[in-house]
Amino acid sequence: MNPANGYATEKHSPNKQLIATSREAVQTAENACAIAIKKMGEEHLANERQASVDAQAKSQGQANTAIRERDKAQADANQSRLMAQQARQDTHQAQDDKAAMRARLSSRRVTVFAGSSSAGQMYCSTPANTL
């Protein structure tokens, strides 16, 4: 553009040379503008691609977290089921033990002797093999 300015300020410069140089300067400016627009478009596409990759990575991370949380919840539920089953078994065992104890106690013979001469004294007799 400097040669075009020089030709324009000179009084005796040929018009054809001024026009040619001016056209060249305009064409160079248009080319630079087109290159800049193309570069901006490419940068925009690159930014969109990167944003897409980032969003996909974030989404995958959230999915992985959800899977881990689901697996932990399933493990906790399984543990709770096992504990409930053990509690039921313990309850049944306690009931069986209680019934066995009652049966042993009822099989023992408790004899209370109360006589006129020994009023108030109690004697207990149990079979020798139950002690």
Protein backbone atom coordinates (compact mmCIF):
# COMPACT_ATOMS: atom_id res chain seq x y z
CA MET A 1 0.00 0.00 0.00
CA ASN A 2 2.97 2.30 0.45
CA PRO A 3 3.80 2.38 -3.28
CA ALA A 4 0.18 3.28 -4.05
CA ASN A 5 0.35 6.15 -1.55
CA GLY A 6 3.58 7.31 -3.12
CA TYR A 7 2.09 7.27 -6.61
CA ALA A 8 -1.01 9.10 -5.41
CA THR A 9 1.00 11.92 -3.84
CA GLU A 10 3.29 12.42 -6.82
CA LYS A 11 2.01 14.86 -9.41
CA HIS A 12 3.62 13.23 -12.40
CA SER A 13 2.99 9.53 -11.73
CA PRO A 14 1.20 7.45 -14.35
CA ASN A 15 -2.41 6.59 -13.54
CA LYS A 16 -2.10 3.03 -14.78
CA GLN A 17 0.66 2.31 -12.29
CA LEU A 18 -1.37 3.89 -9.47
CA ILE A 19 -4.45 1.84 -10.39
CA ALA A 20 -2.47 -1.41 -10.65
CA THR A 21 -0.73 -0.87 -7.34
CA SER A 22 -4.01 0.11 -5.68
CA ARG A 23 -5.73 -3.01 -7.05
CA GLU A 24 -2.87 -5.14 -5.77
CA ALA A 25 -3.14 -3.56 -2.31
CA VAL A 26 -6.93 -4.13 -2.26
CA GLN A 27 -6.47 -7.76 -3.39
CA THR A 28 -3.84 -8.35 -0.69
CA ALA A 29 -6.17 -6.87 1.93
CA GLU A 30 -9.06 -9.06 0.71
CA ASN A 31 -6.82 -12.13 0.81
CA ALA A 32 -5.71 -11.29 4.34
CA CYS A 33 -9.33 -10.80 5.36
CA ALA A 34 -10.32 -14.16 3.83
CA ILE A 35 -7.43 -15.89 5.56
CA ALA A 36 -8.38 -14.30 8.89
CA ILE A 37 -12.03 -15.36 8.48
CA LYS A 38 -10.97 -18.89 7.56
CA LYS A 39 -8.63 -19.04 10.56
CA MET A 40 -11.39 -17.78 12.89
CA GLY A 41 -13.75 -20.45 11.51
CA GLU A 42 -11.14 -23.17 12.05
CA GLU A 43 -10.51 -21.94 15.61
CA HIS A 44 -14.26 -21.95 16.27
CA LEU A 45 -14.54 -25.54 15.00
CA ALA A 46 -11.53 -26.58 17.08
CA ASN A 47 -13.10 -24.99 20.17
CA GLU A 48 -16.38 -26.78 19.48
CA ARG A 49 -14.57 -30.11 19.06
CA GLN A 50 -12.69 -29.57 22.31
CA ALA A 51 -15.90 -28.62 24.11
CA SER A 52 -17.50 -31.79 22.76
CA VAL A 53 -14.56 -33.91 23.95
CA ASP A 54 -14.67 -32.22 27.36
CA ALA A 55 -18.43 -32.74 27.66
CA GLN A 56 -18.06 -36.38 26.68
CA ALA A 57 -15.28 -36.89 29.25
CA LYS A 58 -17.39 -35.20 31.92
CA SER A 59 -20.37 -37.34 30.97
CA GLN A 60 -18.28 -40.51 31.09
CA GLY A 61 -16.93 -39.49 34.50
CA GLN A 62 -20.45 -38.96 35.79
CA ALA A 63 -21.52 -42.33 34.38
CA ASN A 64 -18.56 -44.02 36.06
CA THR A 65 -19.44 -42.34 39.35
CA ALA A 66 -23.05 -43.45 39.01
CA ILE A 67 -21.94 -47.02 38.31
CA ARG A 68 -19.67 -47.02 41.38
CA GLU A 69 -22.48 -45.62 43.53
CA ARG A 70 -24.92 -48.22 42.16
CA ASP A 71 -22.46 -51.03 42.84
CA LYS A 72 -21.88 -49.75 46.38
CA ALA A 73 -25.63 -49.52 46.99
CA GLN A 74 -26.08 -53.09 45.73
CA ALA A 75 -23.26 -54.29 47.97
CA ASP A 76 -24.80 -52.45 50.93
CA ALA A 77 -28.20 -53.98 50.15
CA ASN A 78 -26.66 -57.45 49.94
CA GLN A 79 -24.89 -56.88 53.25
CA SER A 80 -28.18 -55.73 54.81
CA ARG A 81 -29.96 -58.83 53.49
CA LEU A 82 -27.26 -61.07 54.94
CA MET A 83 -27.46 -59.29 58.28
CA ALA A 84 -31.27 -59.62 58.31
CA GLN A 85 -30.99 -63.31 57.45
CA GLN A 86 -28.45 -63.78 60.25
CA ALA A 87 -30.75 -61.93 62.65
CA ARG A 88 -33.65 -64.24 61.68
CA GLN A 89 -31.43 -67.27 62.20
CA ASP A 90 -30.30 -65.93 65.57
CA THR A 91 -33.93 -65.32 66.54
CA HIS A 92 -34.91 -68.86 65.56
CA GLN A 93 -31.93 -70.25 67.44
CA ALA A 94 -32.85 -68.22 70.52
CA GLN A 95 -36.44 -69.48 70.30
CA ASP A 96 -35.20 -73.07 69.93
CA ASP A 97 -32.85 -72.61 72.89
CA LYS A 98 -35.70 -71.13 74.93
CA ALA A 99 -37.98 -74.07 74.07
CA ALA A 100 -35.22 -76.55 74.95
CA MET A 101 -34.62 -74.82 78.27
CA ARG A 102 -38.33 -74.92 79.08
CA ALA A 103 -38.45 -78.59 78.19
CA ARG A 104 -35.48 -79.32 80.48
CA LEU A 105 -37.00 -77.33 83.29
CA SER A 106 -40.38 -79.01 82.95
CA SER A 107 -38.75 -82.46 82.92
CA ARG A 108 -37.22 -81.82 86.28
CA ARG A 109 -39.34 -82.83 89.11
CA VAL A 110 -39.73 -80.28 91.74
CA THR A 111 -41.24 -81.70 94.79
CA VAL A 112 -42.27 -79.51 97.55
CA PHE A 113 -42.85 -81.23 100.82
CA ALA A 114 -44.86 -79.37 103.27
CA GLY A 115 -45.75 -81.16 106.41
CA SER A 116 -47.23 -80.15 109.70
CA SER A 117 -44.02 -80.67 111.59
CA SER A 118 -41.81 -79.15 108.95
CA ALA A 119 -44.09 -76.40 107.70
CA GLY A 120 -42.35 -73.93 105.53
CA GLN A 121 -39.46 -76.19 104.50
CA MET A 122 -39.17 -77.14 100.88
CA TYR A 123 -37.17 -79.92 99.39
CA CYS A 124 -36.34 -80.11 95.71
CA SER A 125 -35.38 -83.30 94.08
CA THR A 126 -34.08 -83.56 90.53
CA PRO A 127 -32.95 -86.56 88.60
CA ALA A 128 -29.18 -87.01 88.87
CA ASN A 129 -28.62 -87.07 85.14
CA THR A 130 -30.11 -83.57 84.49
CA LEU A 131 -27.68 -81.61 86.62
